[in-house]
Each structure stands twice: as structure tokens, then as C-alpha cells.
Amino acid sequence: MPKVLVGLVQRLLRRDDTQLKLLLLCTVIATVGFAFPRLVWATYIGYSLIALLLTQVMVGSSNAPNWSDALYRGLGLMAVVTMWLWLLTPLELI
């Protein structure tokens, strides 16, 4: 099932420069979060989307073996999960 969803997302994002436009949008979202302290949540969402989108953009245009693409995607996902785990950890546990 996840392979089907990944394939569907890749086909949808493959059109024209859609991925680069989405990357620019995510970067703007993260920058807005820096500019306005009350929108700090936008920074985290922007960072998450940038990391996930970069794993798709970079893998889509590479000539690397399949195992290295899977490793790159896995590391990107692990980075996002780790960031959210850190952000959602109560201060008493730090």
C-alpha cells in the first residue's frame, strides 16, 4: 500500500516544475515562521515539508541504485520524525 501511495504522489508531482514550486512555498512558510514569533508552528511545518519534498526531488533525478534512494528517503523520514518527537517531548523529560 505505501508503495502505491508513493508512486501516486511521484506521478502527481512530476508535472512541470511543480516540485520546485512546492519547495519554494515550503521555504516561504518556514521563513514566515521565523519572521513572526507567534507563527513558530509554521516553521516546523515548513521544515517538515521541505525535508519530505527534498527526499522526493533528489531521488527522482538521481541515477543512484535503488537501495541508496531508499536509504536517502528513510533518513529524510527519520529526520522529520525525530524533529517532531523532540518538539512534542514534555520539558520534564528533557
Protein backbone atom coordinates (compact mmCIF):
# COMPACT_ATOMS: atom_id res chain seq x y z
CA MET A 1 0.00 0.00 0.00
CA PRO A 2 2.71 2.61 0.85
CA LYS A 3 4.45 1.90 -2.48
CA VAL A 4 1.24 2.69 -4.30
CA LEU A 5 0.85 5.99 -2.44
CA VAL A 6 4.48 6.97 -3.04
CA GLY A 7 4.10 6.18 -6.73
CA LEU A 8 0.90 8.21 -6.93
CA VAL A 9 2.49 11.21 -5.21
CA GLN A 10 5.52 10.98 -7.51
CA ARG A 11 3.32 10.92 -10.61
CA LEU A 12 1.34 13.91 -9.38
CA LEU A 13 4.45 15.91 -8.54
CA ARG A 14 6.30 15.00 -11.73
CA ARG A 15 4.40 17.57 -13.80
CA ASP A 16 6.48 20.56 -14.94
CA ASP A 17 8.20 22.42 -12.12
CA THR A 18 5.60 21.57 -9.51
CA GLN A 19 8.16 20.13 -7.10
CA LEU A 20 10.33 23.22 -7.27
CA LYS A 21 7.32 25.49 -6.75
CA LEU A 22 6.28 23.42 -3.73
CA LEU A 23 9.83 23.63 -2.39
CA LEU A 24 9.74 27.41 -2.73
CA LEU A 25 6.35 27.55 -0.98
CA CYS A 26 7.62 25.41 1.92
CA THR A 27 10.68 27.64 2.24
CA VAL A 28 8.44 30.72 2.38
CA ILE A 29 6.31 29.03 5.06
CA ALA A 30 9.43 28.34 7.17
CA THR A 31 10.68 31.90 6.65
CA VAL A 32 7.33 33.36 7.75
CA GLY A 33 7.62 31.29 10.91
CA PHE A 34 10.98 32.94 11.63
CA ALA A 35 9.63 36.44 10.94
CA PHE A 36 6.62 36.19 13.24
CA PRO A 37 7.25 34.53 16.62
CA ARG A 38 3.57 33.70 17.09
CA LEU A 39 3.74 31.55 13.96
CA VAL A 40 6.59 29.35 15.17
CA TRP A 41 4.48 26.29 14.32
CA ALA A 42 4.72 27.34 10.65
CA THR A 43 8.50 26.95 10.86
CA TYR A 44 8.20 23.35 12.00
CA ILE A 45 5.62 22.51 9.38
CA GLY A 46 7.73 24.23 6.71
CA TYR A 47 10.84 22.32 7.76
CA SER A 48 8.96 19.03 7.72
CA LEU A 49 7.58 19.65 4.27
CA ILE A 50 10.98 20.76 2.97
CA ALA A 51 12.64 17.59 4.23
CA LEU A 52 9.94 15.32 2.80
CA LEU A 53 9.86 17.16 -0.51
CA LEU A 54 13.64 17.14 -0.87
CA THR A 55 13.66 13.38 -0.49
CA GLN A 56 11.31 13.18 -3.47
CA VAL A 57 13.07 15.81 -5.62
CA MET A 58 16.58 14.50 -5.07
CA VAL A 59 15.70 10.84 -5.53
CA GLY A 60 13.60 11.49 -8.62
CA SER A 61 16.50 12.98 -10.55
CA SER A 62 19.30 10.65 -9.42
CA ASN A 63 20.95 7.76 -11.21
CA ALA A 64 21.86 6.05 -7.95
CA PRO A 65 20.97 2.43 -7.14
CA ASN A 66 17.56 1.70 -5.64
CA TRP A 67 18.98 0.82 -2.21
CA SER A 68 20.64 4.24 -1.85
CA ASP A 69 17.42 6.02 -2.86
CA ALA A 70 15.52 4.02 -0.25
CA LEU A 71 18.19 4.85 2.34
CA TYR A 72 18.01 8.57 1.49
CA ARG A 73 14.21 8.56 1.81
CA GLY A 74 14.41 6.65 5.08
CA LEU A 75 16.90 9.13 6.53
CA GLY A 76 14.69 12.04 5.48
CA LEU A 77 11.68 10.48 7.14
CA MET A 78 13.71 9.68 10.25
CA ALA A 79 14.85 13.32 10.44
CA VAL A 80 11.25 14.56 10.34
CA VAL A 81 10.05 12.03 12.92
CA THR A 82 12.97 12.87 15.22
CA MET A 83 12.27 16.59 14.94
CA TRP A 84 8.60 16.15 15.86
CA LEU A 85 9.47 13.74 18.67
CA TRP A 86 11.83 16.36 20.09
CA LEU A 87 9.26 19.15 19.71
CA LEU A 88 6.48 17.17 21.35
CA THR A 89 8.57 15.90 24.26
CA PRO A 90 7.47 17.47 27.56
CA LEU A 91 10.08 19.71 29.21
CA GLU A 92 10.13 17.48 32.30
CA LEU A 93 11.65 14.66 30.26
CA ILE A 94 14.47 16.75 28.78
